Amino acid sequence: MIIDASTLDPTSAYKLLIGSILPRAIGWVSTQSREGVANLAPISFFTAVGRKPPMVSLSLQPRSDGVTLKDTFFNIRDTGEFVVNMVTLPQAHAMHRSAFEFDSDTDEFAAVGLEKEASVAVRPPRVKGAPIALECRLDRLIPMGDLGDHVVFGEVVRFHIRDDVYLKGGRIDTGALQAVGRLAAEYTLVHNAFTTPLDEQLLASLRGQRAGRLDGHADGYSPIDSKEWSASGATR
């Protein structure tokens, strides 16, 4: 199948992007409004973009109505600060719930039953229990296209790393984290690791094998087919 991207509407293009770029790290972003209201949002258009200074990027789409910009956008624009929290399996459901579109005056930590941890260099709180959090200051905000999408670049000013996963030499014990990533509209648990080359017999045994499910849904199920899904990264 060859698809001319110029023929696609935004929703169709979004479906292809989220199903093609796999797995995606989730930036669980905490922000705070100028009035002091705390917000949480999982962003899977997220990655590292620089080393000195350390930089990350977030890509933000409007809300599910396709017009209204998200509180995360306004809070970062207005305050210049945010925190990226790592998502792990024990907090995966709370992270998913934080994708719902709450009113702007709702404290989303309280709404999804999470406790706050004070940051050091920025005002937005961290997610208590997250093993890693990156305190960030806004570097630049770039509009993309004509649909209200924006890319945020942020400088990491503080790393918070749980003591037991910070190893000698400055390495993080990734095998201990139970990190959660994003597939298309589902999640995936990082529960294996390898270096190459792998044994040919093992490769042969895995060839054509479909991913297993942890949630009891039938093979081939996708939330994309439900009315709750939207091409905004938010859940209705």
C-alpha atoms as a PDB file:
ATOM      1  CA  MET A   1       0.000   0.000   0.000  1.00  0.00           C
ATOM      2  CA  ILE A   2       1.371   3.390  -1.034  1.00  0.00           C
ATOM      3  CA  ILE A   3      -0.554   6.397   0.225  1.00  0.00           C
ATOM      4  CA  ASP A   4      -0.130   9.933  -1.056  1.00  0.00           C
ATOM      5  CA  ALA A   5      -0.075  12.010   2.152  1.00  0.00           C
ATOM      6  CA  SER A   6      -1.497  15.034   0.320  1.00  0.00           C
ATOM      7  CA  THR A   7      -4.802  13.153  -0.136  1.00  0.00           C
ATOM      8  CA  LEU A   8      -5.300  12.536   3.597  1.00  0.00           C
ATOM      9  CA  ASP A   9      -7.483  14.488   5.988  1.00  0.00           C
ATOM     10  CA  PRO A  10      -5.960  15.229   9.433  1.00  0.00           C
ATOM     11  CA  THR A  11      -7.626  12.274  11.176  1.00  0.00           C
ATOM     12  CA  SER A  12      -6.470   9.791   8.541  1.00  0.00           C
ATOM     13  CA  ALA A  13      -2.927  11.144   8.660  1.00  0.00           C
ATOM     14  CA  TYR A  14      -2.947  10.975  12.467  1.00  0.00           C
ATOM     15  CA  LYS A  15      -4.035   7.317  12.407  1.00  0.00           C
ATOM     16  CA  LEU A  16      -1.168   6.434  10.086  1.00  0.00           C
ATOM     17  CA  LEU A  17       1.383   8.354  12.143  1.00  0.00           C
ATOM     18  CA  ILE A  18       0.401   6.798  15.485  1.00  0.00           C
ATOM     19  CA  GLY A  19       0.286   3.316  13.947  1.00  0.00           C
ATOM     20  CA  SER A  20       3.655   3.704  12.223  1.00  0.00           C
ATOM     21  CA  ILE A  21       5.859   5.349  14.869  1.00  0.00           C
ATOM     22  CA  LEU A  22       6.122   2.556  17.449  1.00  0.00           C
ATOM     23  CA  PRO A  23       6.574   2.353  20.349  1.00  0.00           C
ATOM     24  CA  ARG A  24       6.374   5.958  21.463  1.00  0.00           C
ATOM     25  CA  ALA A  25       7.602   7.272  24.790  1.00  0.00           C
ATOM     26  CA  ILE A  26       4.909   9.002  26.826  1.00  0.00           C
ATOM     27  CA  GLY A  27       5.687  12.390  28.293  1.00  0.00           C
ATOM     28  CA  TRP A  28       3.268  12.671  31.200  1.00  0.00           C
ATOM     29  CA  VAL A  29       3.262  16.451  31.410  1.00  0.00           C
ATOM     30  CA  SER A  30       2.326  18.378  34.519  1.00  0.00           C
ATOM     31  CA  THR A  31       1.708  22.106  34.233  1.00  0.00           C
ATOM     32  CA  GLN A  32       0.180  24.830  36.352  1.00  0.00           C
ATOM     33  CA  SER A  33      -2.002  27.709  35.259  1.00  0.00           C
ATOM     34  CA  ARG A  34      -1.317  31.306  36.236  1.00  0.00           C
ATOM     35  CA  GLU A  35      -4.130  30.872  38.759  1.00  0.00           C
ATOM     36  CA  GLY A  36      -2.339  27.880  40.316  1.00  0.00           C
ATOM     37  CA  VAL A  37      -4.516  25.060  38.944  1.00  0.00           C
ATOM     38  CA  ALA A  38      -2.511  21.892  38.277  1.00  0.00           C
ATOM     39  CA  ASN A  39      -2.965  20.038  34.983  1.00  0.00           C
ATOM     40  CA  LEU A  40      -1.805  16.620  33.757  1.00  0.00           C
ATOM     41  CA  ALA A  41      -1.701  15.280  30.200  1.00  0.00           C
ATOM     42  CA  PRO A  42      -0.002  12.296  28.534  1.00  0.00           C
ATOM     43  CA  ILE A  43       1.805  13.353  25.345  1.00  0.00           C
ATOM     44  CA  SER A  44       3.143  10.616  23.077  1.00  0.00           C
ATOM     45  CA  PHE A  45       4.502  12.994  20.448  1.00  0.00           C
ATOM     46  CA  PHE A  46       7.459  13.432  22.785  1.00  0.00           C
ATOM     47  CA  THR A  47      11.217  12.955  22.509  1.00  0.00           C
ATOM     48  CA  ALA A  48      14.671  14.229  23.468  1.00  0.00           C
ATOM     49  CA  VAL A  49      16.121  16.804  21.066  1.00  0.00           C
ATOM     50  CA  GLY A  50      19.357  18.067  22.638  1.00  0.00           C
ATOM     51  CA  ARG A  51      22.149  17.262  25.091  1.00  0.00           C
ATOM     52  CA  LYS A  52      23.868  20.492  26.185  1.00  0.00           C
ATOM     53  CA  PRO A  53      21.637  21.881  27.421  1.00  0.00           C
ATOM     54  CA  PRO A  54      19.400  18.790  27.667  1.00  0.00           C
ATOM     55  CA  MET A  55      16.227  19.490  25.689  1.00  0.00           C
ATOM     56  CA  VAL A  56      12.918  17.713  25.062  1.00  0.00           C
ATOM     57  CA  SER A  57      10.075  18.392  22.661  1.00  0.00           C
ATOM     58  CA  LEU A  58       6.311  17.955  22.880  1.00  0.00           C
ATOM     59  CA  SER A  59       3.858  18.171  19.998  1.00  0.00           C
ATOM     60  CA  LEU A  60       0.410  19.383  21.032  1.00  0.00           C
ATOM     61  CA  GLN A  61      -2.835  19.154  19.090  1.00  0.00           C
ATOM     62  CA  PRO A  62      -6.076  21.005  19.947  1.00  0.00           C
ATOM     63  CA  ARG A  63      -8.809  19.338  21.976  1.00  0.00           C
ATOM     64  CA  SER A  64     -11.141  16.773  20.413  1.00  0.00           C
ATOM     65  CA  ASP A  65     -13.340  19.557  18.961  1.00  0.00           C
ATOM     66  CA  GLY A  66     -10.407  20.330  16.652  1.00  0.00           C
ATOM     67  CA  VAL A  67     -10.415  24.012  17.599  1.00  0.00           C
ATOM     68  CA  THR A  68      -9.892  24.649  21.316  1.00  0.00           C
ATOM     69  CA  LEU A  69      -6.256  24.626  22.405  1.00  0.00           C
ATOM     70  CA  LYS A  70      -5.405  22.427  25.371  1.00  0.00           C
ATOM     71  CA  ASP A  71      -4.726  23.629  28.900  1.00  0.00           C
ATOM     72  CA  THR A  72      -1.229  22.147  28.608  1.00  0.00           C
ATOM     73  CA  PHE A  73      -0.519  24.543  25.734  1.00  0.00           C
ATOM     74  CA  PHE A  74      -1.870  27.605  27.538  1.00  0.00           C
ATOM     75  CA  ASN A  75      -0.095  26.766  30.792  1.00  0.00           C
ATOM     76  CA  ILE A  76       3.288  26.253  29.120  1.00  0.00           C
ATOM     77  CA  ARG A  77       2.858  29.392  26.999  1.00  0.00           C
ATOM     78  CA  ASP A  78       1.727  31.519  29.931  1.00  0.00           C
ATOM     79  CA  THR A  79       4.157  30.306  32.627  1.00  0.00           C
ATOM     80  CA  GLY A  80       7.104  28.975  30.622  1.00  0.00           C
ATOM     81  CA  GLU A  81       7.362  25.858  32.801  1.00  0.00           C
ATOM     82  CA  PHE A  82       6.392  22.181  32.782  1.00  0.00           C
ATOM     83  CA  VAL A  83       7.446  18.790  34.158  1.00  0.00           C
ATOM     84  CA  VAL A  84       7.701  15.532  32.224  1.00  0.00           C
ATOM     85  CA  ASN A  85       6.944  12.531  34.437  1.00  0.00           C
ATOM     86  CA  MET A  86       7.742   8.935  33.470  1.00  0.00           C
ATOM     87  CA  VAL A  87       4.768   6.571  33.175  1.00  0.00           C
ATOM     88  CA  THR A  88       5.171   3.132  34.754  1.00  0.00           C
ATOM     89  CA  LEU A  89       2.743   0.256  35.054  1.00  0.00           C
ATOM     90  CA  PRO A  90       1.408   1.022  38.580  1.00  0.00           C
ATOM     91  CA  GLN A  91       0.288   4.488  37.431  1.00  0.00           C
ATOM     92  CA  ALA A  92      -0.807   3.580  33.896  1.00  0.00           C
ATOM     93  CA  HIS A  93      -4.545   3.837  34.569  1.00  0.00           C
ATOM     94  CA  ALA A  94      -4.197   7.208  36.293  1.00  0.00           C
ATOM     95  CA  MET A  95      -2.174   8.394  33.286  1.00  0.00           C
ATOM     96  CA  HIS A  96      -4.921   7.179  30.934  1.00  0.00           C
ATOM     97  CA  ARG A  97      -7.588   8.973  32.971  1.00  0.00           C
ATOM     98  CA  SER A  98      -5.565  12.190  32.800  1.00  0.00           C
ATOM     99  CA  ALA A  99      -6.103  12.156  29.007  1.00  0.00           C
ATOM    100  CA  PHE A 100      -9.793  12.986  29.531  1.00  0.00           C
ATOM    101  CA  GLU A 101     -10.822  16.557  28.811  1.00  0.00           C
ATOM    102  CA  PHE A 102     -11.469  18.134  32.199  1.00  0.00           C
ATOM    103  CA  ASP A 103     -12.611  21.710  32.709  1.00  0.00           C
ATOM    104  CA  SER A 104      -9.756  24.197  32.941  1.00  0.00           C
ATOM    105  CA  ASP A 105     -10.457  24.939  36.617  1.00  0.00           C
ATOM    106  CA  THR A 106     -10.150  21.249  37.607  1.00  0.00           C
ATOM    107  CA  ASP A 107      -7.058  20.071  39.480  1.00  0.00           C
ATOM    108  CA  GLU A 108      -6.331  16.950  37.463  1.00  0.00           C
ATOM    109  CA  PHE A 109      -4.077  15.413  40.131  1.00  0.00           C
ATOM    110  CA  ALA A 110      -7.082  15.369  42.450  1.00  0.00           C
ATOM    111  CA  ALA A 111      -9.435  14.276  39.660  1.00  0.00           C
ATOM    112  CA  VAL A 112      -7.449  11.105  38.916  1.00  0.00           C
ATOM    113  CA  GLY A 113      -6.418  10.401  42.507  1.00  0.00           C
ATOM    114  CA  LEU A 114      -2.722  11.293  42.376  1.00  0.00           C
ATOM    115  CA  GLU A 115      -0.553  13.021  44.945  1.00  0.00           C
ATOM    116  CA  LYS A 116       1.772  15.907  44.108  1.00  0.00           C
ATOM    117  CA  GLU A 117       5.473  16.203  44.810  1.00  0.00           C
ATOM    118  CA  ALA A 118       7.019  19.666  44.887  1.00  0.00           C
ATOM    119  CA  SER A 119       9.455  20.565  42.141  1.00  0.00           C
ATOM    120  CA  VAL A 120      12.728  22.358  42.844  1.00  0.00           C
ATOM    121  CA  ALA A 121      13.293  24.853  40.038  1.00  0.00           C
ATOM    122  CA  VAL A 122       9.806  25.223  38.498  1.00  0.00           C
ATOM    123  CA  ARG A 123       6.319  25.741  39.908  1.00  0.00           C
ATOM    124  CA  PRO A 124       4.358  22.830  38.369  1.00  0.00           C
ATOM    125  CA  PRO A 125       4.324  19.816  40.701  1.00  0.00           C
ATOM    126  CA  ARG A 126       5.686  16.375  39.902  1.00  0.00           C
ATOM    127  CA  VAL A 127       3.660  13.156  40.048  1.00  0.00           C
ATOM    128  CA  LYS A 128       4.384  11.466  43.367  1.00  0.00           C
ATOM    129  CA  GLY A 129       5.538   7.904  42.726  1.00  0.00           C
ATOM    130  CA  ALA A 130       6.896   8.536  39.243  1.00  0.00           C
ATOM    131  CA  PRO A 131      10.456   7.134  39.240  1.00  0.00           C
ATOM    132  CA  ILE A 132      11.794   9.848  36.927  1.00  0.00           C
ATOM    133  CA  ALA A 133      10.701  13.447  36.349  1.00  0.00           C
ATOM    134  CA  LEU A 134      12.240  16.215  34.268  1.00  0.00           C
ATOM    135  CA  GLU A 135      11.683  19.808  35.333  1.00  0.00           C
ATOM    136  CA  CYS A 136      11.643  21.966  32.196  1.00  0.00           C
ATOM    137  CA  ARG A 137      11.593  25.601  31.151  1.00  0.00           C
ATOM    138  CA  LEU A 138      10.149  26.693  27.836  1.00  0.00           C
ATOM    139  CA  ASP A 139      12.778  27.358  25.173  1.00  0.00           C
ATOM    140  CA  ARG A 140      10.537  27.961  22.155  1.00  0.00           C
ATOM    141  CA  LEU A 141       6.997  27.350  20.935  1.00  0.00           C
ATOM    142  CA  ILE A 142       6.468  26.740  17.228  1.00  0.00           C
ATOM    143  CA  PRO A 143       3.091  26.585  15.415  1.00  0.00           C
ATOM    144  CA  MET A 144       2.802  23.730  12.930  1.00  0.00           C
ATOM    145  CA  GLY A 145       0.465  23.863   9.947  1.00  0.00           C
ATOM    146  CA  ASP A 146      -2.867  25.623  10.091  1.00  0.00           C
ATOM    147  CA  LEU A 147      -4.864  23.383  12.453  1.00  0.00           C
ATOM    148  CA  GLY A 148      -3.626  24.673  15.802  1.00  0.00           C
ATOM    149  CA  ASP A 149      -0.824  22.137  16.300  1.00  0.00           C
ATOM    150  CA  HIS A 150       2.273  23.359  18.154  1.00  0.00           C
ATOM    151  CA  VAL A 151       5.720  22.021  19.018  1.00  0.00           C
ATOM    152  CA  VAL A 152       7.153  22.888  22.428  1.00  0.00           C
ATOM    153  CA  PHE A 153      10.896  22.790  23.068  1.00  0.00           C
ATOM    154  CA  GLY A 154      11.874  22.746  26.728  1.00  0.00           C
ATOM    155  CA  GLU A 155      15.210  22.836  28.513  1.00  0.00           C
ATOM    156  CA  VAL A 156      15.569  20.263  31.276  1.00  0.00           C
ATOM    157  CA  VAL A 157      16.788  22.129  34.354  1.00  0.00           C
ATOM    158  CA  ARG A 158      16.439  19.340  36.949  1.00  0.00           C
ATOM    159  CA  PHE A 159      16.411  15.551  36.698  1.00  0.00           C
ATOM    160  CA  HIS A 160      14.618  13.674  39.489  1.00  0.00           C
ATOM    161  CA  ILE A 161      15.643  10.000  39.480  1.00  0.00           C
ATOM    162  CA  ARG A 162      14.591   7.517  42.157  1.00  0.00           C
ATOM    163  CA  ASP A 163      17.687   6.464  44.084  1.00  0.00           C
ATOM    164  CA  ASP A 164      17.350   2.718  43.465  1.00  0.00           C
ATOM    165  CA  VAL A 165      17.340   3.106  39.663  1.00  0.00           C
ATOM    166  CA  TYR A 166      20.299   5.519  39.513  1.00  0.00           C
ATOM    167  CA  LEU A 167      23.366   3.337  38.997  1.00  0.00           C
ATOM    168  CA  LYS A 168      27.079   3.901  39.355  1.00  0.00           C
ATOM    169  CA  GLY A 169      28.439   5.867  36.427  1.00  0.00           C
ATOM    170  CA  GLY A 170      25.217   7.809  35.943  1.00  0.00           C
ATOM    171  CA  ARG A 171      23.303   5.050  34.181  1.00  0.00           C
ATOM    172  CA  ILE A 172      19.588   4.386  34.775  1.00  0.00           C
ATOM    173  CA  ASP A 173      18.465   0.825  35.537  1.00  0.00           C
ATOM    174  CA  THR A 174      15.856   0.678  32.772  1.00  0.00           C
ATOM    175  CA  GLY A 175      15.045  -2.966  33.483  1.00  0.00           C
ATOM    176  CA  ALA A 176      13.657  -2.038  36.902  1.00  0.00           C
ATOM    177  CA  LEU A 177      11.201   0.634  35.746  1.00  0.00           C
ATOM    178  CA  GLN A 178       8.253  -1.208  34.144  1.00  0.00           C
ATOM    179  CA  ALA A 179       8.043   1.715  31.731  1.00  0.00           C
ATOM    180  CA  VAL A 180       4.848   2.135  29.700  1.00  0.00           C
ATOM    181  CA  GLY A 181       4.848   3.327  26.090  1.00  0.00           C
ATOM    182  CA  ARG A 182       2.265   4.113  23.449  1.00  0.00           C
ATOM    183  CA  LEU A 183       1.308   2.090  20.404  1.00  0.00           C
ATOM    184  CA  ALA A 184      -1.474   3.443  18.187  1.00  0.00           C
ATOM    185  CA  ALA A 185      -4.279   4.070  20.683  1.00  0.00           C
ATOM    186  CA  GLU A 186      -3.103   1.449  23.187  1.00  0.00           C
ATOM    187  CA  TYR A 187      -0.226   1.071  25.616  1.00  0.00           C
ATOM    188  CA  THR A 188       2.693  -1.316  25.814  1.00  0.00           C
ATOM    189  CA  LEU A 189       4.796  -2.499  28.740  1.00  0.00           C
ATOM    190  CA  VAL A 190       8.576  -2.551  28.334  1.00  0.00           C
ATOM    191  CA  HIS A 191       9.273  -6.010  29.745  1.00  0.00           C
ATOM    192  CA  ASN A 192      12.107  -7.365  27.654  1.00  0.00           C
ATOM    193  CA  ALA A 193      15.425  -6.141  26.297  1.00  0.00           C
ATOM    194  CA  PHE A 194      18.073  -7.454  23.916  1.00  0.00           C
ATOM    195  CA  THR A 195      21.253  -6.683  22.071  1.00  0.00           C
ATOM    196  CA  THR A 196      22.052  -8.032  18.627  1.00  0.00           C
ATOM    197  CA  PRO A 197      22.728 -10.476  17.121  1.00  0.00           C
ATOM    198  CA  LEU A 198      20.044 -12.819  18.427  1.00  0.00           C
ATOM    199  CA  ASP A 199      20.148 -16.571  17.992  1.00  0.00           C
ATOM    200  CA  GLU A 200      18.676 -17.635  14.640  1.00  0.00           C
ATOM    201  CA  GLN A 201      16.569 -20.290  16.320  1.00  0.00           C
ATOM    202  CA  LEU A 202      15.006 -17.671  18.583  1.00  0.00           C
ATOM    203  CA  LEU A 203      14.365 -15.372  15.624  1.00  0.00           C
ATOM    204  CA  ALA A 204      12.684 -18.225  13.754  1.00  0.00           C
ATOM    205  CA  SER A 205      10.459 -18.996  16.753  1.00  0.00           C
ATOM    206  CA  LEU A 206       9.310 -15.352  16.931  1.00  0.00           C
ATOM    207  CA  ARG A 207       8.812 -14.776  13.203  1.00  0.00           C
ATOM    208  CA  GLY A 208       5.225 -13.752  12.473  1.00  0.00           C
ATOM    209  CA  GLN A 209       4.233 -13.887  16.133  1.00  0.00           C
ATOM    210  CA  ARG A 210       1.635 -11.297  17.113  1.00  0.00           C
ATOM    211  CA  ALA A 211       1.950  -9.188  20.238  1.00  0.00           C
ATOM    212  CA  GLY A 212       0.229 -10.572  23.286  1.00  0.00           C
ATOM    213  CA  ARG A 213      -2.455  -8.660  25.174  1.00  0.00           C
ATOM    214  CA  LEU A 214      -2.486  -7.964  28.910  1.00  0.00           C
ATOM    215  CA  ASP A 215      -6.053  -6.582  29.087  1.00  0.00           C
ATOM    216  CA  GLY A 216      -8.246  -9.492  27.993  1.00  0.00           C
ATOM    217  CA  HIS A 217      -9.392  -7.835  24.761  1.00  0.00           C
ATOM    218  CA  ALA A 218      -9.484  -9.934  21.607  1.00  0.00           C
ATOM    219  CA  ASP A 219      -6.521  -9.856  19.249  1.00  0.00           C
ATOM    220  CA  GLY A 220      -6.968  -6.957  16.820  1.00  0.00           C
ATOM    221  CA  TYR A 221      -8.996  -4.779  19.195  1.00  0.00           C
ATOM    222  CA  SER A 222      -8.252  -1.042  19.036  1.00  0.00           C
ATOM    223  CA  PRO A 223      -9.767   1.927  20.912  1.00  0.00           C
ATOM    224  CA  ILE A 224      -9.575   3.788  17.587  1.00  0.00           C
ATOM    225  CA  ASP A 225     -12.801   1.989  16.704  1.00  0.00           C
ATOM    226  CA  SER A 226     -14.608   3.370  19.779  1.00  0.00           C
ATOM    227  CA  LYS A 227     -16.518   6.641  20.201  1.00  0.00           C
ATOM    228  CA  GLU A 228     -14.182   7.681  23.050  1.00  0.00           C
ATOM    229  CA  TRP A 229     -11.157   7.972  20.729  1.00  0.00           C
ATOM    230  CA  SER A 230     -10.254  11.253  19.034  1.00  0.00           C
ATOM    231  CA  ALA A 231      -7.444  12.368  16.751  1.00  0.00           C
ATOM    232  CA  SER A 232      -6.253  14.818  19.392  1.00  0.00           C
ATOM    233  CA  GLY A 233      -4.449  12.603  21.872  1.00  0.00           C
ATOM    234  CA  ALA A 234      -7.313  13.234  24.294  1.00  0.00           C
ATOM    235  CA  THR A 235     -10.005  10.791  25.402  1.00  0.00           C
ATOM    236  CA  ARG A 236     -13.634  11.876  25.192  1.00  0.00           C
END
